[in-house]
Protein backbone atom coordinates (compact mmCIF):
# COMPACT_ATOMS: atom_id res chain seq x y z
CA MET A 1 128.54 82.63 224.81
CA LEU A 2 126.50 80.57 222.84
CA GLN A 3 125.04 81.78 219.73
CA SER A 4 121.64 80.73 218.54
CA PRO A 5 121.19 79.68 215.08
CA PRO A 6 119.89 82.60 212.83
CA ALA A 7 116.41 82.72 212.19
CA ALA A 8 115.00 81.36 208.86
CA ARG A 9 113.93 84.70 206.75
CA PRO A 10 110.60 84.07 204.72
CA THR A 11 111.74 84.13 201.00
CA SER A 12 109.62 86.18 198.43
CA PRO A 13 108.09 84.12 195.58
CA ALA A 14 110.85 85.86 193.11
CA HIS A 15 113.59 84.13 195.12
CA ALA A 16 111.94 81.07 195.89
CA PRO A 17 113.75 77.78 194.49
CA ALA A 18 112.64 76.63 191.27
CA ALA A 19 110.14 73.44 191.67
CA PRO A 20 111.15 70.61 189.57
CA LEU A 21 109.29 70.49 186.63
CA PRO A 22 107.10 67.40 185.92
CA THR A 23 108.88 64.85 183.86
CA SER A 24 106.88 62.98 180.90
CA PRO A 25 107.88 59.76 179.50
CA ALA A 26 110.39 60.10 176.58
CA PRO A 27 108.90 60.20 173.19
CA ALA A 28 108.96 56.74 171.51
CA ALA A 29 111.81 56.29 168.88
CA ARG A 30 110.70 56.72 165.45
CA PRO A 31 112.78 54.78 162.70
CA ILE A 32 114.79 57.06 160.52
CA PRO A 33 114.31 56.18 156.70
CA LEU A 34 117.22 55.08 154.86
CA ALA A 35 116.56 56.91 151.84
CA ALA A 36 114.07 59.75 151.72
CA PRO A 37 112.17 60.09 148.64
CA PRO A 38 113.37 62.91 146.16
CA SER A 39 111.59 65.88 146.41
CA ARG A 40 109.91 67.46 143.25
CA SER A 41 112.48 69.98 142.95
CA ALA A 42 115.39 67.56 142.99
CA ALA A 43 113.75 65.41 140.29
CA LEU A 44 113.19 68.67 138.30
CA SER A 45 116.83 69.43 138.91
CA ARG A 46 117.91 66.20 137.40
CA LEU A 47 115.81 66.45 134.59
CA PHE A 48 117.08 69.71 133.65
CA LEU A 49 120.57 68.68 134.04
CA GLY A 50 119.94 65.79 131.82
CA ALA A 51 118.53 67.84 129.18
CA ALA A 52 121.24 70.33 129.27
CA THR A 53 124.07 67.33 129.18
CA SER A 54 122.07 66.10 125.94
CA LEU A 55 121.83 69.50 124.34
CA ALA A 56 125.81 70.22 125.03
CA ALA A 57 126.55 66.74 123.59
CA ALA A 58 124.34 67.44 120.52
CA ALA A 59 126.13 70.91 120.11
CA ALA A 60 129.47 69.40 120.30
CA GLY A 61 128.41 66.71 117.70
CA THR A 62 129.10 63.82 120.01
CA LEU A 63 125.30 63.04 120.03
CA ALA A 64 124.07 61.34 116.69
CA PRO A 65 120.23 61.01 116.05
CA VAL A 66 119.11 57.13 116.22
CA ALA A 67 115.92 55.80 114.82
CA PRO A 68 113.25 54.61 117.35
CA ASP A 69 113.72 51.11 116.63
CA ALA A 70 117.15 50.98 117.76
CA TYR A 71 115.86 51.83 121.20
CA ALA A 72 113.10 49.37 121.21
CA ALA A 73 115.61 46.55 120.26
CA GLU A 74 118.04 47.39 122.84
CA ALA A 75 117.04 44.53 125.30
CA VAL A 76 116.75 42.29 122.35
CA SER A 77 119.52 40.59 120.50
CA ARG A 78 119.42 41.12 116.72
CA ALA A 79 119.44 37.58 115.93
CA SER A 80 116.25 37.19 117.71
CA LEU A 81 114.57 39.87 115.45
CA PRO A 82 112.13 38.42 112.78
CA LEU A 83 113.26 39.12 109.35
CA PRO A 84 111.85 41.48 106.80
CA THR A 85 109.35 39.69 104.82
CA SER A 86 108.23 40.52 101.28
CA ASP A 87 104.50 40.44 102.27
CA PRO A 88 103.19 43.75 100.76
CA GLY A 89 101.12 44.19 103.79
CA SER A 90 104.07 44.51 106.20
CA GLY A 91 106.26 47.69 106.57
CA ASP A 92 105.47 51.32 106.33
CA ARG A 93 102.32 52.11 104.21
CA LEU A 94 101.14 55.72 103.47
CA THR A 95 98.38 57.14 101.12
CA VAL A 96 99.43 60.58 99.72
CA THR A 97 96.67 62.70 98.32
CA VAL A 98 97.59 65.78 96.42
CA ARG A 99 95.12 68.41 95.18
CA GLU A 100 95.29 71.67 93.18
CA ALA A 101 99.21 71.52 92.69
CA GLY A 102 98.82 71.40 88.97
CA GLY A 103 101.21 70.02 86.51
CA GLY A 104 100.25 66.47 86.66
CA ALA A 105 101.03 66.27 90.17
CA ASP A 106 97.56 65.70 91.46
CA GLY A 107 96.23 62.59 92.61
CA THR A 108 96.19 59.72 95.23
CA PHE A 109 99.24 57.50 95.49
CA GLU A 110 99.97 54.60 97.53
CA LEU A 111 103.69 54.64 99.36
CA ARG A 112 105.28 51.45 100.67
CA CYS A 113 108.61 51.20 102.38
CA HIS A 114 110.46 48.44 103.88
CA PRO A 115 110.16 46.92 101.09
CA GLN A 116 109.71 49.86 98.61
CA GLY A 117 106.51 49.69 96.20
CA GLY A 118 103.52 51.22 95.67
CA SER A 119 102.04 53.63 92.83
CA HIS A 120 103.98 56.81 94.25
CA PRO A 121 106.24 58.05 91.34
CA ASP A 122 109.34 58.21 92.96
CA ALA A 123 109.04 55.50 96.05
CA ARG A 124 112.76 54.90 96.44
CA GLU A 125 113.51 58.54 97.01
CA ALA A 126 110.53 59.22 99.13
CA CYS A 127 111.32 56.34 101.59
CA GLY A 128 114.83 57.73 101.75
CA ARG A 129 113.45 61.35 102.40
CA LEU A 130 111.38 59.86 105.21
CA ASP A 131 114.01 57.59 106.76
CA ARG A 132 116.36 60.67 106.98
CA ARG A 133 113.93 62.67 108.66
CA THR A 134 112.67 60.16 111.17
CA THR A 135 114.81 60.34 114.22
CA TRP A 136 114.41 59.62 117.91
CA GLY A 137 111.81 62.03 119.49
CA ALA A 138 110.92 63.87 116.18
CA ASP A 139 107.79 63.35 113.88
CA PRO A 140 108.58 64.05 110.21
CA PHE A 141 104.78 64.85 109.86
CA ALA A 142 104.31 67.12 112.76
CA PRO A 143 102.33 70.47 112.04
CA VAL A 144 103.90 73.72 112.61
CA ARG A 145 103.85 74.53 116.37
CA SER A 146 101.37 77.20 117.46
CA GLY A 147 102.73 80.33 118.20
CA THR A 148 105.38 80.14 115.55
CA VAL A 149 106.17 83.19 113.71
CA CYS A 150 105.73 82.81 109.86
CA THR A 151 106.74 84.69 106.98
CA MET A 152 103.57 86.04 105.21
CA GLN A 153 104.08 84.54 101.80
CA TYR A 154 101.77 82.45 99.54
CA GLY A 155 102.93 79.20 97.74
CA GLY A 156 100.02 78.68 95.89
CA PRO A 157 96.47 76.46 96.49
CA ALA A 158 97.93 73.26 96.76
CA ILE A 159 96.77 70.84 99.54
CA ALA A 160 97.91 67.35 100.32
CA TYR A 161 97.13 64.81 102.95
CA VAL A 162 99.11 61.93 104.04
CA THR A 163 97.56 59.12 105.88
CA GLY A 164 98.47 55.34 106.94
CA THR A 165 101.49 54.18 109.33
CA TRP A 166 104.99 55.30 109.20
CA ALA A 167 107.56 53.76 111.99
CA GLY A 168 104.74 51.78 113.60
CA ARG A 169 102.70 55.04 114.15
CA PRO A 170 99.63 56.13 112.55
CA VAL A 171 99.88 59.23 110.16
CA ASP A 172 97.07 61.75 109.75
CA ALA A 173 98.63 64.78 108.49
CA ARG A 174 97.50 67.86 106.36
CA PHE A 175 99.75 70.10 104.16
CA ASP A 176 99.36 73.32 102.42
CA ARG A 177 101.50 76.26 101.11
CA GLY A 178 99.82 78.99 102.90
CA ASN A 179 102.63 80.85 104.58
CA GLY A 180 106.49 80.65 105.17
CA CYS A 181 106.34 77.87 107.71
CA GLU A 182 103.88 75.65 105.88
CA ILE A 183 105.99 76.27 102.67
CA ALA A 184 109.20 74.93 104.48
CA ARG A 185 107.32 71.98 106.02
CA TRP A 186 105.75 70.98 102.55
CA ASP A 187 109.29 71.48 100.87
CA ALA A 188 110.95 69.29 103.51
CA LEU A 189 108.98 66.20 102.62
CA VAL A 190 109.85 66.46 98.84
CA PRO A 191 109.77 64.07 96.92
CA VAL A 192 106.87 62.44 99.05
CA LEU A 193 104.95 65.29 98.24
CA PRO A 194 105.66 67.08 94.72
CA ASP A 195 108.30 69.55 94.60
CA LEU A 196 106.35 73.03 93.95
CA SER A 197 109.34 75.30 94.67
CA ALA A 198 109.82 75.94 90.86
């Protein structure tokens, strides 16, 4: 007996075979950069890591302060640097004006260093003090930072002005003895400024 093939049953949309998806051309290949530029957070991380390393070295005593001219002369051999001259116009030159200090300390004095000279009463010691206080990244004439908490003490009415050039930079600084911070700032520059601590 011959059987006829089963009749095709209609399929519901849920059971219909999926239609092939239309194909689109593959996107063009983009070149991959060899080195991505550093992100801002990565740059800041390196900066903070370097600062922390420097602070740790300074705390351990392995990082000695170096004068700024040592960094400027790194790429130049010492033999090619010009020799100091005895020209009074060369070197570091400051004008120190002191008022209301009393005891013969008032006046205007010229201080020359490298080579030493001028009308300052103690040019040799004053130049030495400035040399010791001049380190890379530090300004010996910098004002007290704003927001610094200072003791309420009064060191007298003395006022001093220091102008000129030091370590290749212009100087225009004012000093007084109106609180503990300003007194300490003044005393740190003795004998450039007169000793009024007594």
